[in-house]
């Protein structure tokens, strides 16, 4: 068994896909179901922060050892794998979430524009562009080293949640109940576009 690893650009739909997996019965770790500074739950494992000084491989192996037969997942940046000497051997099924980088940037700007002053906003955009560039490069490097188990086009998920949720479940060999599939599809909120 492998850890389902959700990766993509910031504001690229990874929280939405991680939420879908959560509703399909995948253990996404020690997550807070309360929204953080966003209007939605980001599905990031709070325990992952304790592994910043350790190897990502150790975190993955610990998650698998305590899974008790349940599928487990993690949503985090692709840079976590870079220090691993053999990333192609990580025990992961990578789910690569695709969203045009311009859409990701627009989403982030829309989310933050009401919170900041113009000069602060300009400086934040500069930092964001650098961060997105790094994340994009990390994602591309990951794709070269670790072949994704599947790719999810975020716009397809928004347009037809039911079909995409069923495709995700089938591709990852999950065995959800029909009620879980409905809950996962209902979780996708095209009106919010998961900002």
C-alpha atoms as a PDB file:
ATOM      1  CA  UNK A   1       0.000   0.000   0.000  1.00  0.00           C
ATOM      2  CA  UNK A   2       1.127   3.552  -0.723  1.00  0.00           C
ATOM      3  CA  UNK A   3       0.291   6.995   0.624  1.00  0.00           C
ATOM      4  CA  UNK A   4      -1.862   9.054  -1.742  1.00  0.00           C
ATOM      5  CA  UNK A   5       0.096  12.285  -2.173  1.00  0.00           C
ATOM      6  CA  UNK A   6      -1.842  15.295  -3.490  1.00  0.00           C
ATOM      7  CA  UNK A   7       0.406  17.903  -5.128  1.00  0.00           C
ATOM      8  CA  UNK A   8      -0.096  20.982  -7.291  1.00  0.00           C
ATOM      9  CA  UNK A   9       0.440  24.717  -7.357  1.00  0.00           C
ATOM     10  CA  UNK A  10      -0.683  26.932  -4.455  1.00  0.00           C
ATOM     11  CA  UNK A  11      -4.382  27.803  -4.853  1.00  0.00           C
ATOM     12  CA  UNK A  12      -4.475  25.132  -7.541  1.00  0.00           C
ATOM     13  CA  UNK A  13      -7.264  22.883  -6.244  1.00  0.00           C
ATOM     14  CA  UNK A  14      -5.237  20.589  -3.984  1.00  0.00           C
ATOM     15  CA  UNK A  15      -7.413  21.323  -0.932  1.00  0.00           C
ATOM     16  CA  UNK A  16     -10.501  20.474  -2.934  1.00  0.00           C
ATOM     17  CA  UNK A  17      -9.020  17.156  -4.125  1.00  0.00           C
ATOM     18  CA  UNK A  18      -7.769  16.343  -0.611  1.00  0.00           C
ATOM     19  CA  UNK A  19     -11.294  17.050   0.685  1.00  0.00           C
ATOM     20  CA  UNK A  20     -12.759  14.725  -1.932  1.00  0.00           C
ATOM     21  CA  UNK A  21     -10.367  11.986  -0.789  1.00  0.00           C
ATOM     22  CA  UNK A  22     -11.310  12.652   2.848  1.00  0.00           C
ATOM     23  CA  UNK A  23     -14.996  12.212   1.989  1.00  0.00           C
ATOM     24  CA  UNK A  24     -14.173   9.014   0.075  1.00  0.00           C
ATOM     25  CA  UNK A  25     -12.740   7.554   3.287  1.00  0.00           C
ATOM     26  CA  UNK A  26      -9.026   8.277   2.875  1.00  0.00           C
ATOM     27  CA  UNK A  27      -7.337   9.195   6.177  1.00  0.00           C
ATOM     28  CA  UNK A  28      -5.745  12.576   5.409  1.00  0.00           C
ATOM     29  CA  UNK A  29      -3.953  12.731   8.764  1.00  0.00           C
ATOM     30  CA  UNK A  30      -4.359  15.014  11.751  1.00  0.00           C
ATOM     31  CA  UNK A  31      -6.385  17.704  10.025  1.00  0.00           C
ATOM     32  CA  UNK A  32      -8.421  20.500  11.505  1.00  0.00           C
ATOM     33  CA  UNK A  33     -11.927  20.576  10.089  1.00  0.00           C
ATOM     34  CA  UNK A  34     -12.127  24.266  10.916  1.00  0.00           C
ATOM     35  CA  UNK A  35     -11.276  26.739   8.153  1.00  0.00           C
ATOM     36  CA  UNK A  36      -7.958  28.502   8.708  1.00  0.00           C
ATOM     37  CA  UNK A  37      -7.257  31.853   7.102  1.00  0.00           C
ATOM     38  CA  UNK A  38      -9.258  30.673   4.118  1.00  0.00           C
ATOM     39  CA  UNK A  39     -12.967  30.098   3.720  1.00  0.00           C
ATOM     40  CA  UNK A  40     -12.479  26.349   3.532  1.00  0.00           C
ATOM     41  CA  UNK A  41     -10.603  23.470   5.160  1.00  0.00           C
ATOM     42  CA  UNK A  42      -7.145  22.972   3.626  1.00  0.00           C
ATOM     43  CA  UNK A  43      -6.720  19.291   4.668  1.00  0.00           C
ATOM     44  CA  UNK A  44      -3.071  19.594   5.680  1.00  0.00           C
ATOM     45  CA  UNK A  45      -1.776  17.135   8.276  1.00  0.00           C
ATOM     46  CA  UNK A  46      -0.651  19.064  11.346  1.00  0.00           C
ATOM     47  CA  UNK A  47       1.827  16.270  12.157  1.00  0.00           C
ATOM     48  CA  UNK A  48       3.750  16.912   8.939  1.00  0.00           C
ATOM     49  CA  UNK A  49       5.222  20.087  10.436  1.00  0.00           C
ATOM     50  CA  UNK A  50       7.092  17.964  12.983  1.00  0.00           C
ATOM     51  CA  UNK A  51       8.863  16.207  10.101  1.00  0.00           C
ATOM     52  CA  UNK A  52      10.414  19.332   8.601  1.00  0.00           C
ATOM     53  CA  UNK A  53      13.687  18.415  10.263  1.00  0.00           C
ATOM     54  CA  UNK A  54      13.308  14.722   9.454  1.00  0.00           C
ATOM     55  CA  UNK A  55      13.003  12.835   6.222  1.00  0.00           C
ATOM     56  CA  UNK A  56       9.715  12.930   4.337  1.00  0.00           C
ATOM     57  CA  UNK A  57      10.167   9.192   3.802  1.00  0.00           C
ATOM     58  CA  UNK A  58      10.010   8.697   7.601  1.00  0.00           C
ATOM     59  CA  UNK A  59       6.698  10.570   7.729  1.00  0.00           C
ATOM     60  CA  UNK A  60       5.260   8.432   4.915  1.00  0.00           C
ATOM     61  CA  UNK A  61       6.442   5.188   6.489  1.00  0.00           C
ATOM     62  CA  UNK A  62       5.016   6.212   9.873  1.00  0.00           C
ATOM     63  CA  UNK A  63       1.637   6.974   8.255  1.00  0.00           C
ATOM     64  CA  UNK A  64       1.594   3.580   6.531  1.00  0.00           C
ATOM     65  CA  UNK A  65       2.651   1.728   9.703  1.00  0.00           C
ATOM     66  CA  UNK A  66      -0.263   3.175  11.660  1.00  0.00           C
ATOM     67  CA  UNK A  67      -2.870   2.958   8.877  1.00  0.00           C
ATOM     68  CA  UNK A  68      -4.472  -0.267  10.049  1.00  0.00           C
ATOM     69  CA  UNK A  69      -5.343  -1.230   6.477  1.00  0.00           C
ATOM     70  CA  UNK A  70      -7.018   2.103   5.681  1.00  0.00           C
ATOM     71  CA  UNK A  71      -5.808   4.155   2.704  1.00  0.00           C
ATOM     72  CA  UNK A  72      -3.937   7.235   3.847  1.00  0.00           C
ATOM     73  CA  UNK A  73      -3.189  10.472   2.082  1.00  0.00           C
ATOM     74  CA  UNK A  74      -1.251  13.686   2.457  1.00  0.00           C
ATOM     75  CA  UNK A  75      -1.499  17.093   0.833  1.00  0.00           C
ATOM     76  CA  UNK A  76       1.751  19.017   0.827  1.00  0.00           C
ATOM     77  CA  UNK A  77       4.185  20.757  -1.471  1.00  0.00           C
ATOM     78  CA  UNK A  78       6.324  18.823  -3.898  1.00  0.00           C
ATOM     79  CA  UNK A  79       9.496  20.239  -2.334  1.00  0.00           C
ATOM     80  CA  UNK A  80       9.180  17.694   0.500  1.00  0.00           C
ATOM     81  CA  UNK A  81      10.617  14.982  -1.745  1.00  0.00           C
ATOM     82  CA  UNK A  82      13.646  16.927  -2.983  1.00  0.00           C
ATOM     83  CA  UNK A  83      16.008  15.985  -0.154  1.00  0.00           C
ATOM     84  CA  UNK A  84      15.294  12.279  -0.659  1.00  0.00           C
ATOM     85  CA  UNK A  85      18.202  10.517  -2.392  1.00  0.00           C
ATOM     86  CA  UNK A  86      15.830   8.195  -4.301  1.00  0.00           C
ATOM     87  CA  UNK A  87      12.490   9.969  -4.737  1.00  0.00           C
ATOM     88  CA  UNK A  88      11.312   7.430  -7.286  1.00  0.00           C
ATOM     89  CA  UNK A  89      11.197   4.847  -4.462  1.00  0.00           C
ATOM     90  CA  UNK A  90       8.981   6.895  -2.110  1.00  0.00           C
ATOM     91  CA  UNK A  91       5.909   4.866  -1.073  1.00  0.00           C
ATOM     92  CA  UNK A  92       3.444   7.232  -2.793  1.00  0.00           C
ATOM     93  CA  UNK A  93       0.714   7.324  -5.392  1.00  0.00           C
ATOM     94  CA  UNK A  94       0.990  10.896  -6.642  1.00  0.00           C
ATOM     95  CA  UNK A  95      -2.220  12.725  -7.538  1.00  0.00           C
ATOM     96  CA  UNK A  96      -1.193  15.740  -9.582  1.00  0.00           C
ATOM     97  CA  UNK A  97      -3.816  18.514  -9.575  1.00  0.00           C
ATOM     98  CA  UNK A  98      -3.627  20.729 -12.641  1.00  0.00           C
ATOM     99  CA  UNK A  99      -4.914  24.275 -12.751  1.00  0.00           C
ATOM    100  CA  UNK A 100      -3.539  27.003 -15.013  1.00  0.00           C
ATOM    101  CA  UNK A 101      -1.067  29.059 -13.019  1.00  0.00           C
ATOM    102  CA  UNK A 102      -2.889  32.254 -14.029  1.00  0.00           C
ATOM    103  CA  UNK A 103      -6.076  30.918 -12.417  1.00  0.00           C
ATOM    104  CA  UNK A 104      -4.161  30.019  -9.266  1.00  0.00           C
ATOM    105  CA  UNK A 105      -2.676  33.506  -9.080  1.00  0.00           C
ATOM    106  CA  UNK A 106      -6.045  35.178  -9.717  1.00  0.00           C
ATOM    107  CA  UNK A 107      -7.591  33.034  -7.008  1.00  0.00           C
ATOM    108  CA  UNK A 108      -4.936  34.074  -4.518  1.00  0.00           C
ATOM    109  CA  UNK A 109      -5.255  37.740  -5.425  1.00  0.00           C
ATOM    110  CA  UNK A 110      -9.040  37.598  -5.103  1.00  0.00           C
ATOM    111  CA  UNK A 111      -8.711  36.003  -1.675  1.00  0.00           C
ATOM    112  CA  UNK A 112      -6.218  38.564  -0.370  1.00  0.00           C
ATOM    113  CA  UNK A 113      -7.124  41.789  -2.176  1.00  0.00           C
ATOM    114  CA  UNK A 114      -9.707  42.916   0.371  1.00  0.00           C
ATOM    115  CA  UNK A 115      -7.312  42.275   3.264  1.00  0.00           C
ATOM    116  CA  UNK A 116      -4.318  44.431   2.329  1.00  0.00           C
ATOM    117  CA  UNK A 117      -3.320  47.935   1.336  1.00  0.00           C
ATOM    118  CA  UNK A 118      -2.110  48.572  -2.259  1.00  0.00           C
ATOM    119  CA  UNK A 119       1.640  48.689  -1.471  1.00  0.00           C
ATOM    120  CA  UNK A 120       1.396  45.639   0.771  1.00  0.00           C
ATOM    121  CA  UNK A 121      -0.551  43.881  -1.984  1.00  0.00           C
ATOM    122  CA  UNK A 122       2.144  44.620  -4.551  1.00  0.00           C
ATOM    123  CA  UNK A 123       4.839  43.202  -2.261  1.00  0.00           C
ATOM    124  CA  UNK A 124       2.706  40.150  -1.529  1.00  0.00           C
ATOM    125  CA  UNK A 125       2.203  39.521  -5.263  1.00  0.00           C
ATOM    126  CA  UNK A 126       5.961  39.646  -5.792  1.00  0.00           C
ATOM    127  CA  UNK A 127       6.486  37.069  -3.043  1.00  0.00           C
ATOM    128  CA  UNK A 128       3.662  34.914  -4.382  1.00  0.00           C
ATOM    129  CA  UNK A 129       5.058  34.882  -7.903  1.00  0.00           C
ATOM    130  CA  UNK A 130       8.381  33.663  -6.525  1.00  0.00           C
ATOM    131  CA  UNK A 131       6.663  31.011  -4.403  1.00  0.00           C
ATOM    132  CA  UNK A 132       4.453  29.795  -7.227  1.00  0.00           C
ATOM    133  CA  UNK A 133       7.471  29.637  -9.503  1.00  0.00           C
ATOM    134  CA  UNK A 134       9.316  27.473  -6.977  1.00  0.00           C
ATOM    135  CA  UNK A 135       6.295  25.244  -6.454  1.00  0.00           C
ATOM    136  CA  UNK A 136       5.772  24.918 -10.197  1.00  0.00           C
ATOM    137  CA  UNK A 137       9.408  23.953 -10.684  1.00  0.00           C
ATOM    138  CA  UNK A 138       9.181  21.431  -7.856  1.00  0.00           C
ATOM    139  CA  UNK A 139       6.047  19.935  -9.400  1.00  0.00           C
ATOM    140  CA  UNK A 140       7.728  19.631 -12.787  1.00  0.00           C
ATOM    141  CA  UNK A 141      10.809  18.008 -11.237  1.00  0.00           C
ATOM    142  CA  UNK A 142       8.586  15.627  -9.337  1.00  0.00           C
ATOM    143  CA  UNK A 143       6.821  14.654 -12.541  1.00  0.00           C
ATOM    144  CA  UNK A 144      10.185  13.732 -14.044  1.00  0.00           C
ATOM    145  CA  UNK A 145      11.205  11.554 -11.080  1.00  0.00           C
ATOM    146  CA  UNK A 146       7.920  10.145  -9.813  1.00  0.00           C
ATOM    147  CA  UNK A 147       5.251   9.283 -12.347  1.00  0.00           C
ATOM    148  CA  UNK A 148       1.799  10.399 -11.124  1.00  0.00           C
ATOM    149  CA  UNK A 149      -0.737   7.669 -10.415  1.00  0.00           C
ATOM    150  CA  UNK A 150      -3.287  10.085 -11.862  1.00  0.00           C
ATOM    151  CA  UNK A 151      -3.865  13.681 -12.828  1.00  0.00           C
ATOM    152  CA  UNK A 152      -6.929  15.705 -11.934  1.00  0.00           C
ATOM    153  CA  UNK A 153      -7.881  18.726 -14.017  1.00  0.00           C
ATOM    154  CA  UNK A 154      -9.365  21.117 -11.464  1.00  0.00           C
ATOM    155  CA  UNK A 155     -11.755  22.652 -13.999  1.00  0.00           C
ATOM    156  CA  UNK A 156     -13.166  19.184 -14.818  1.00  0.00           C
ATOM    157  CA  UNK A 157     -13.746  18.550 -11.124  1.00  0.00           C
ATOM    158  CA  UNK A 158     -15.673  21.820 -10.874  1.00  0.00           C
ATOM    159  CA  UNK A 159     -17.702  21.160 -14.033  1.00  0.00           C
ATOM    160  CA  UNK A 160     -18.736  17.572 -13.288  1.00  0.00           C
ATOM    161  CA  UNK A 161     -17.955  16.660  -9.665  1.00  0.00           C
ATOM    162  CA  UNK A 162     -19.851  13.341  -9.698  1.00  0.00           C
ATOM    163  CA  UNK A 163     -18.002  11.992 -12.732  1.00  0.00           C
ATOM    164  CA  UNK A 164     -14.599  13.170 -11.521  1.00  0.00           C
ATOM    165  CA  UNK A 165     -15.118  11.796  -8.003  1.00  0.00           C
ATOM    166  CA  UNK A 166     -16.038   8.402  -9.483  1.00  0.00           C
ATOM    167  CA  UNK A 167     -12.946   8.549 -11.720  1.00  0.00           C
ATOM    168  CA  UNK A 168     -10.696   9.408  -8.762  1.00  0.00           C
ATOM    169  CA  UNK A 169     -12.126   6.549  -6.692  1.00  0.00           C
ATOM    170  CA  UNK A 170     -11.704   4.057  -9.540  1.00  0.00           C
ATOM    171  CA  UNK A 171      -8.220   5.154 -10.523  1.00  0.00           C
ATOM    172  CA  UNK A 172      -6.926   4.987  -6.944  1.00  0.00           C
ATOM    173  CA  UNK A 173      -8.728   1.676  -6.341  1.00  0.00           C
ATOM    174  CA  UNK A 174     -10.796   3.062  -3.495  1.00  0.00           C
ATOM    175  CA  UNK A 175     -13.981   1.251  -2.568  1.00  0.00           C
ATOM    176  CA  UNK A 176     -16.297   3.970  -1.259  1.00  0.00           C
ATOM    177  CA  UNK A 177     -19.986   3.557  -0.511  1.00  0.00           C
ATOM    178  CA  UNK A 178     -22.409   5.411  -2.788  1.00  0.00           C
ATOM    179  CA  UNK A 179     -23.143   7.789   0.082  1.00  0.00           C
ATOM    180  CA  UNK A 180     -19.423   8.669   0.287  1.00  0.00           C
ATOM    181  CA  UNK A 181     -19.318   9.356  -3.448  1.00  0.00           C
ATOM    182  CA  UNK A 182     -22.328  11.681  -3.098  1.00  0.00           C
ATOM    183  CA  UNK A 183     -20.741  13.440  -0.093  1.00  0.00           C
ATOM    184  CA  UNK A 184     -17.461  13.888  -1.972  1.00  0.00           C
ATOM    185  CA  UNK A 185     -19.239  15.281  -5.052  1.00  0.00           C
ATOM    186  CA  UNK A 186     -21.355  17.586  -2.874  1.00  0.00           C
ATOM    187  CA  UNK A 187     -18.189  18.824  -1.160  1.00  0.00           C
ATOM    188  CA  UNK A 188     -16.975  20.322  -4.456  1.00  0.00           C
ATOM    189  CA  UNK A 189     -18.438  23.815  -4.557  1.00  0.00           C
ATOM    190  CA  UNK A 190     -18.086  25.389  -8.033  1.00  0.00           C
ATOM    191  CA  UNK A 191     -19.601  28.659  -6.756  1.00  0.00           C
ATOM    192  CA  UNK A 192     -16.699  29.026  -4.304  1.00  0.00           C
ATOM    193  CA  UNK A 193     -14.218  27.590  -6.834  1.00  0.00           C
ATOM    194  CA  UNK A 194     -12.389  26.669  -3.636  1.00  0.00           C
ATOM    195  CA  UNK A 195     -10.868  30.102  -4.009  1.00  0.00           C
END
